[in-house]
Amino acid sequence: MARPIPRHWHEEFQLCYIESGSGELTYRGDDHPTPPASLFIVHPGEIHSNRAYQMSGCSYRTLFIEPEALRGAATEVFNRDRGVPFFPATVIYDREILALYVKLHVALENPASLLERQSLLATFMNELIARFCEHRASPDSVGMKRINVKRACEYLIEYHAENIFLEHLAHTVGLSPFHFSRLFSEQVGMPPHAFQTQVRISRAKTLLLEGWSISQVASRTGFADQSHLTRHFKRLVGITPGRYQQSSKNVQDPAHASR
């Protein structure tokens, strides 16, 4: 076996997704296998150690979350403060939760809007707590106030180039960030950051047709840089901004029109 990480503890929640290379986590008096496609959770202040089975170690994605952040999220999920949440399951294999975690981690390490990062974090914490916390979430009571999605969408369209805080967007419709994020996704079919990205790409297409350079378009539509625009543009449109702009010129140029 590879040399283990010695016994230690953290002040925050530690979440670790194993991408490749099996190992084990020694925690709460037991050895927990941590195979690929698994996510383990260590509570604040609890001593633990890790060991990889292969000498080459393992590939993993770790995230630390402040206890108060999860406590706040749990308060929104349960509609009352129950303190810092407790997760009985040390290792989680649920595919949906793993996919949300990886998506959040990738957004944190790559160029992404503030709204995207906050929305993904809110969605992940909400789902993790609702499904794996010791106290399960109860259904929303009848008559609970629902979000005015149209107003939120209009705000995102008008300020699509701005780096919007999730808290601010939720405040514009009188809801908490976690409640807002959940209801927006339910009604629109995508989270707020994804909707904002769609609006930005739509605006980018218009600017490209007007002859703006790709770097100028990236700046005017709220993307971090040209590569950030290109990545999302290709994902949503199917081609790069440069090819889109050139293809549009060819269609509009009489010399390239088909006969």
Protein backbone atom coordinates (compact mmCIF):
# COMPACT_ATOMS: atom_id res chain seq x y z
CA MET A 1 0.00 0.00 0.00
CA ALA A 2 1.03 3.60 -0.51
CA ARG A 3 2.05 5.64 2.52
CA PRO A 4 -1.12 6.81 4.31
CA ILE A 5 -1.99 10.37 5.17
CA PRO A 6 -1.56 10.46 8.98
CA ARG A 7 -4.38 11.10 11.44
CA HIS A 8 -5.59 14.68 11.29
CA TRP A 9 -8.70 16.82 11.45
CA HIS A 10 -10.23 19.93 9.83
CA GLU A 11 -12.33 22.79 11.10
CA GLU A 12 -14.59 22.50 8.04
CA PHE A 13 -16.56 19.70 6.43
CA GLN A 14 -14.28 17.80 4.08
CA LEU A 15 -15.80 16.22 0.99
CA CYS A 16 -13.61 14.14 -1.29
CA TYR A 17 -14.59 12.54 -4.60
CA ILE A 18 -12.38 9.66 -5.76
CA GLU A 19 -11.84 9.76 -9.52
CA SER A 20 -9.41 6.85 -9.85
CA GLY A 21 -7.35 4.62 -7.59
CA SER A 22 -8.99 2.79 -4.68
CA GLY A 23 -8.21 3.43 -1.05
CA GLU A 24 -9.74 3.57 2.40
CA LEU A 25 -10.70 6.13 5.00
CA THR A 26 -10.16 5.40 8.69
CA TYR A 27 -12.88 7.33 10.46
CA ARG A 28 -15.09 6.90 13.54
CA GLY A 29 -13.30 3.69 14.47
CA ASP A 30 -13.89 1.93 11.13
CA ASP A 31 -12.09 1.48 7.82
CA HIS A 32 -14.30 2.67 4.94
CA PRO A 33 -13.41 1.61 1.36
CA THR A 34 -13.17 4.58 -1.02
CA PRO A 35 -13.30 3.18 -4.57
CA PRO A 36 -13.52 5.25 -7.75
CA ALA A 37 -16.84 7.11 -8.17
CA SER A 38 -17.37 7.53 -4.44
CA LEU A 39 -17.67 10.62 -2.25
CA PHE A 40 -16.72 10.58 1.41
CA ILE A 41 -17.73 13.13 4.03
CA VAL A 42 -15.73 13.97 7.16
CA HIS A 43 -17.35 16.18 9.80
CA PRO A 44 -15.56 19.16 11.36
CA GLY A 45 -13.20 18.31 14.22
CA GLU A 46 -13.31 14.54 13.65
CA ILE A 47 -9.95 12.74 13.43
CA HIS A 48 -9.38 10.61 10.34
CA SER A 49 -6.66 9.23 8.06
CA ASN A 50 -6.51 8.11 4.43
CA ARG A 51 -4.67 5.41 2.56
CA ALA A 52 -4.43 4.58 -1.15
CA TYR A 53 -4.16 0.94 -2.16
CA GLN A 54 -1.91 1.61 -5.16
CA MET A 55 1.65 2.91 -4.80
CA SER A 56 0.79 5.52 -7.43
CA GLY A 57 -1.86 6.92 -5.11
CA CYS A 58 -5.24 8.07 -6.37
CA SER A 59 -6.85 10.97 -8.22
CA TYR A 60 -9.40 12.91 -6.22
CA ARG A 61 -11.32 16.20 -5.89
CA THR A 62 -11.55 17.71 -2.40
CA LEU A 63 -13.79 20.50 -1.18
CA PHE A 64 -13.97 22.15 2.25
CA ILE A 65 -17.24 23.75 3.34
CA GLU A 66 -17.68 25.89 6.44
CA PRO A 67 -20.07 24.34 9.01
CA GLU A 68 -22.18 27.52 9.13
CA ALA A 69 -22.69 27.39 5.37
CA LEU A 70 -24.19 23.90 5.62
CA ARG A 71 -26.13 24.91 8.70
CA GLY A 72 -27.69 27.78 6.77
CA ALA A 73 -28.53 25.49 3.88
CA ALA A 74 -30.09 22.95 6.26
CA THR A 75 -32.20 25.69 7.82
CA GLU A 76 -33.63 26.47 4.37
CA VAL A 77 -34.24 22.80 3.59
CA PHE A 78 -36.00 22.01 6.88
CA ASN A 79 -37.64 25.45 7.31
CA ARG A 80 -36.07 25.79 10.77
CA ASP A 81 -32.64 25.83 12.38
CA ARG A 82 -31.61 22.34 13.47
CA GLY A 83 -27.96 23.16 13.95
CA VAL A 84 -25.03 21.87 11.91
CA PRO A 85 -26.27 18.93 9.81
CA PHE A 86 -25.10 15.39 10.49
CA PHE A 87 -24.51 12.83 7.71
CA PRO A 88 -24.73 9.20 8.89
CA ALA A 89 -23.31 7.83 5.63
CA THR A 90 -19.54 8.25 5.48
CA VAL A 91 -19.22 7.24 1.81
CA ILE A 92 -21.82 8.13 -0.83
CA TYR A 93 -22.20 6.44 -4.23
CA ASP A 94 -25.31 8.21 -5.52
CA ARG A 95 -24.69 9.13 -9.17
CA GLU A 96 -26.78 12.30 -9.13
CA ILE A 97 -24.98 13.71 -6.10
CA LEU A 98 -21.59 12.75 -7.56
CA ALA A 99 -22.44 14.49 -10.83
CA LEU A 100 -23.48 17.66 -8.99
CA TYR A 101 -20.28 17.58 -6.93
CA VAL A 102 -17.99 17.19 -9.95
CA LYS A 103 -19.84 19.95 -11.82
CA LEU A 104 -19.39 22.28 -8.84
CA HIS A 105 -15.72 21.40 -8.43
CA VAL A 106 -14.98 22.00 -12.12
CA ALA A 107 -16.72 25.39 -11.96
CA LEU A 108 -14.61 26.37 -8.95
CA GLU A 109 -11.32 25.52 -10.63
CA ASN A 110 -12.13 26.95 -14.07
CA PRO A 111 -13.38 30.35 -15.28
CA ALA A 112 -17.03 30.61 -14.29
CA SER A 113 -19.41 33.39 -13.31
CA LEU A 114 -20.04 34.10 -9.65
CA LEU A 115 -23.70 33.26 -10.18
CA GLU A 116 -22.79 29.88 -11.68
CA ARG A 117 -20.53 28.96 -8.78
CA GLN A 118 -23.01 30.06 -6.13
CA SER A 119 -25.92 28.36 -7.89
CA LEU A 120 -24.04 25.07 -8.21
CA LEU A 121 -22.94 25.22 -4.56
CA ALA A 122 -26.50 25.95 -3.42
CA THR A 123 -27.91 23.11 -5.53
CA PHE A 124 -25.31 20.63 -4.31
CA MET A 125 -25.70 21.49 -0.62
CA ASN A 126 -29.49 21.46 -0.92
CA GLU A 127 -29.57 18.01 -2.51
CA LEU A 128 -26.91 16.59 -0.18
CA ILE A 129 -28.80 17.74 2.91
CA ALA A 130 -32.27 16.82 1.66
CA ARG A 131 -31.21 13.28 0.75
CA PHE A 132 -28.42 12.32 3.13
CA CYS A 133 -28.76 14.44 6.28
CA GLU A 134 -29.96 12.62 9.40
CA HIS A 135 -33.20 14.63 9.37
CA ARG A 136 -34.89 14.32 5.99
CA ALA A 137 -36.56 17.31 4.40
CA SER A 138 -40.32 17.61 4.68
CA PRO A 139 -42.39 18.62 1.63
CA ASP A 140 -43.12 22.29 1.21
CA SER A 141 -46.31 23.30 2.96
CA VAL A 142 -49.34 24.08 0.83
CA GLY A 143 -49.53 27.71 -0.09
CA MET A 144 -45.82 28.39 0.37
CA LYS A 145 -44.78 31.45 -1.58
CA ARG A 146 -43.46 30.57 -5.06
CA ILE A 147 -40.95 32.58 -7.02
CA ASN A 148 -41.91 35.09 -9.65
CA VAL A 149 -39.76 33.40 -12.29
CA LYS A 150 -40.69 35.81 -15.04
CA ARG A 151 -39.34 38.72 -13.02
CA ALA A 152 -36.12 36.88 -12.24
CA CYS A 153 -35.63 35.94 -15.90
CA GLU A 154 -36.22 39.53 -16.98
CA TYR A 155 -33.59 40.68 -14.49
CA LEU A 156 -31.07 38.15 -15.80
CA ILE A 157 -31.76 39.21 -19.38
CA GLU A 158 -31.34 42.90 -18.60
CA TYR A 159 -28.17 42.43 -16.56
CA HIS A 160 -26.78 39.38 -18.37
CA ALA A 161 -23.25 40.80 -18.55
CA GLU A 162 -23.08 41.50 -14.81
CA ASN A 163 -21.44 39.17 -12.27
CA ILE A 164 -24.61 38.68 -10.27
CA PHE A 165 -24.67 37.39 -6.70
CA LEU A 166 -27.17 34.60 -6.09
CA GLU A 167 -28.20 36.34 -2.86
CA HIS A 168 -28.96 39.56 -4.73
CA LEU A 169 -30.98 37.80 -7.43
CA ALA A 170 -32.99 35.92 -4.82
CA HIS A 171 -33.57 39.16 -2.90
CA THR A 172 -35.12 40.80 -5.97
CA VAL A 173 -37.96 38.27 -5.78
CA GLY A 174 -38.15 38.10 -1.99
CA LEU A 175 -36.78 34.60 -1.44
CA SER A 176 -33.79 32.99 0.25
CA PRO A 177 -30.96 31.90 -2.08
CA PHE A 178 -31.55 28.17 -1.57
CA HIS A 179 -35.32 28.36 -1.98
CA PHE A 180 -34.91 30.59 -5.02
CA SER A 181 -32.36 28.31 -6.68
CA ARG A 182 -34.53 25.23 -6.22
CA LEU A 183 -37.77 26.82 -7.47
CA PHE A 184 -36.08 28.55 -10.41
CA SER A 185 -34.72 25.20 -11.63
CA GLU A 186 -38.10 23.54 -11.18
CA GLN A 187 -39.96 26.15 -13.22
CA VAL A 188 -37.42 27.06 -15.90
CA GLY A 189 -35.81 23.65 -16.30
CA MET A 190 -32.30 24.92 -15.61
CA PRO A 191 -30.52 26.76 -12.77
CA PRO A 192 -30.12 30.57 -12.85
CA HIS A 193 -26.50 30.50 -14.02
CA ALA A 194 -27.36 28.25 -16.98
CA PHE A 195 -30.16 30.61 -17.99
CA GLN A 196 -27.76 33.57 -17.76
CA THR A 197 -25.24 31.73 -19.92
CA GLN A 198 -27.93 31.06 -22.55
CA VAL A 199 -28.77 34.77 -22.61
CA ARG A 200 -25.09 35.69 -22.90
CA ILE A 201 -24.58 33.34 -25.84
CA SER A 202 -27.66 34.70 -27.58
CA ARG A 203 -26.31 38.23 -27.19
CA ALA A 204 -22.85 37.10 -28.32
CA LYS A 205 -24.30 35.72 -31.55
CA THR A 206 -25.90 39.09 -32.27
CA LEU A 207 -22.66 40.98 -31.62
CA LEU A 208 -20.64 38.58 -33.77
CA LEU A 209 -23.03 39.18 -36.66
CA GLU A 210 -22.56 42.91 -36.14
CA GLY A 211 -18.82 42.48 -36.69
CA TRP A 212 -17.45 42.78 -33.15
CA SER A 213 -14.22 40.91 -32.45
CA ILE A 214 -14.43 37.78 -30.31
CA SER A 215 -12.49 39.36 -27.46
CA GLN A 216 -14.80 42.39 -27.51
CA VAL A 217 -17.85 40.13 -27.53
CA ALA A 218 -16.51 38.17 -24.55
CA SER A 219 -16.02 41.38 -22.60
CA ARG A 220 -19.41 42.87 -23.49
CA THR A 221 -21.35 39.70 -22.65
CA GLY A 222 -19.80 39.04 -19.24
CA PHE A 223 -17.45 36.17 -19.96
CA ALA A 224 -14.11 36.04 -18.14
CA ASP A 225 -12.13 36.02 -21.39
CA GLN A 226 -12.21 34.83 -25.00
CA SER A 227 -11.53 31.18 -24.10
CA HIS A 228 -14.38 31.24 -21.58
CA LEU A 229 -16.76 32.49 -24.28
CA THR A 230 -15.47 29.97 -26.80
CA ARG A 231 -15.97 27.04 -24.43
CA HIS A 232 -19.61 27.86 -23.73
CA PHE A 233 -20.33 28.98 -27.30
CA LYS A 234 -19.09 25.71 -28.76
CA ARG A 235 -21.01 23.71 -26.17
CA LEU A 236 -24.32 25.47 -26.88
CA VAL A 237 -24.03 26.40 -30.56
CA GLY A 238 -21.89 23.51 -31.78
CA ILE A 239 -19.15 25.60 -33.40
CA THR A 240 -16.63 28.19 -32.24
CA PRO A 241 -17.44 31.92 -32.32
CA GLY A 242 -14.90 32.39 -35.11
CA ARG A 243 -16.50 29.75 -37.32
CA TYR A 244 -19.96 31.13 -36.54
CA GLN A 245 -18.91 34.62 -37.51
CA GLN A 246 -17.16 33.47 -40.69
CA SER A 247 -20.04 31.22 -41.74
CA SER A 248 -22.47 34.10 -41.30
CA LYS A 249 -20.30 36.33 -43.48
CA ASN A 250 -20.19 33.67 -46.18
CA VAL A 251 -23.97 33.34 -46.19
CA GLN A 252 -24.43 37.11 -46.40
CA ASP A 253 -21.76 37.57 -49.10
CA PRO A 254 -23.37 37.34 -52.61
CA ALA A 255 -20.15 35.84 -53.96
CA HIS A 256 -20.70 32.78 -51.78
CA ALA A 257 -24.43 32.44 -52.29
CA SER A 258 -25.56 29.14 -53.79
CA ARG A 259 -27.09 29.10 -57.26
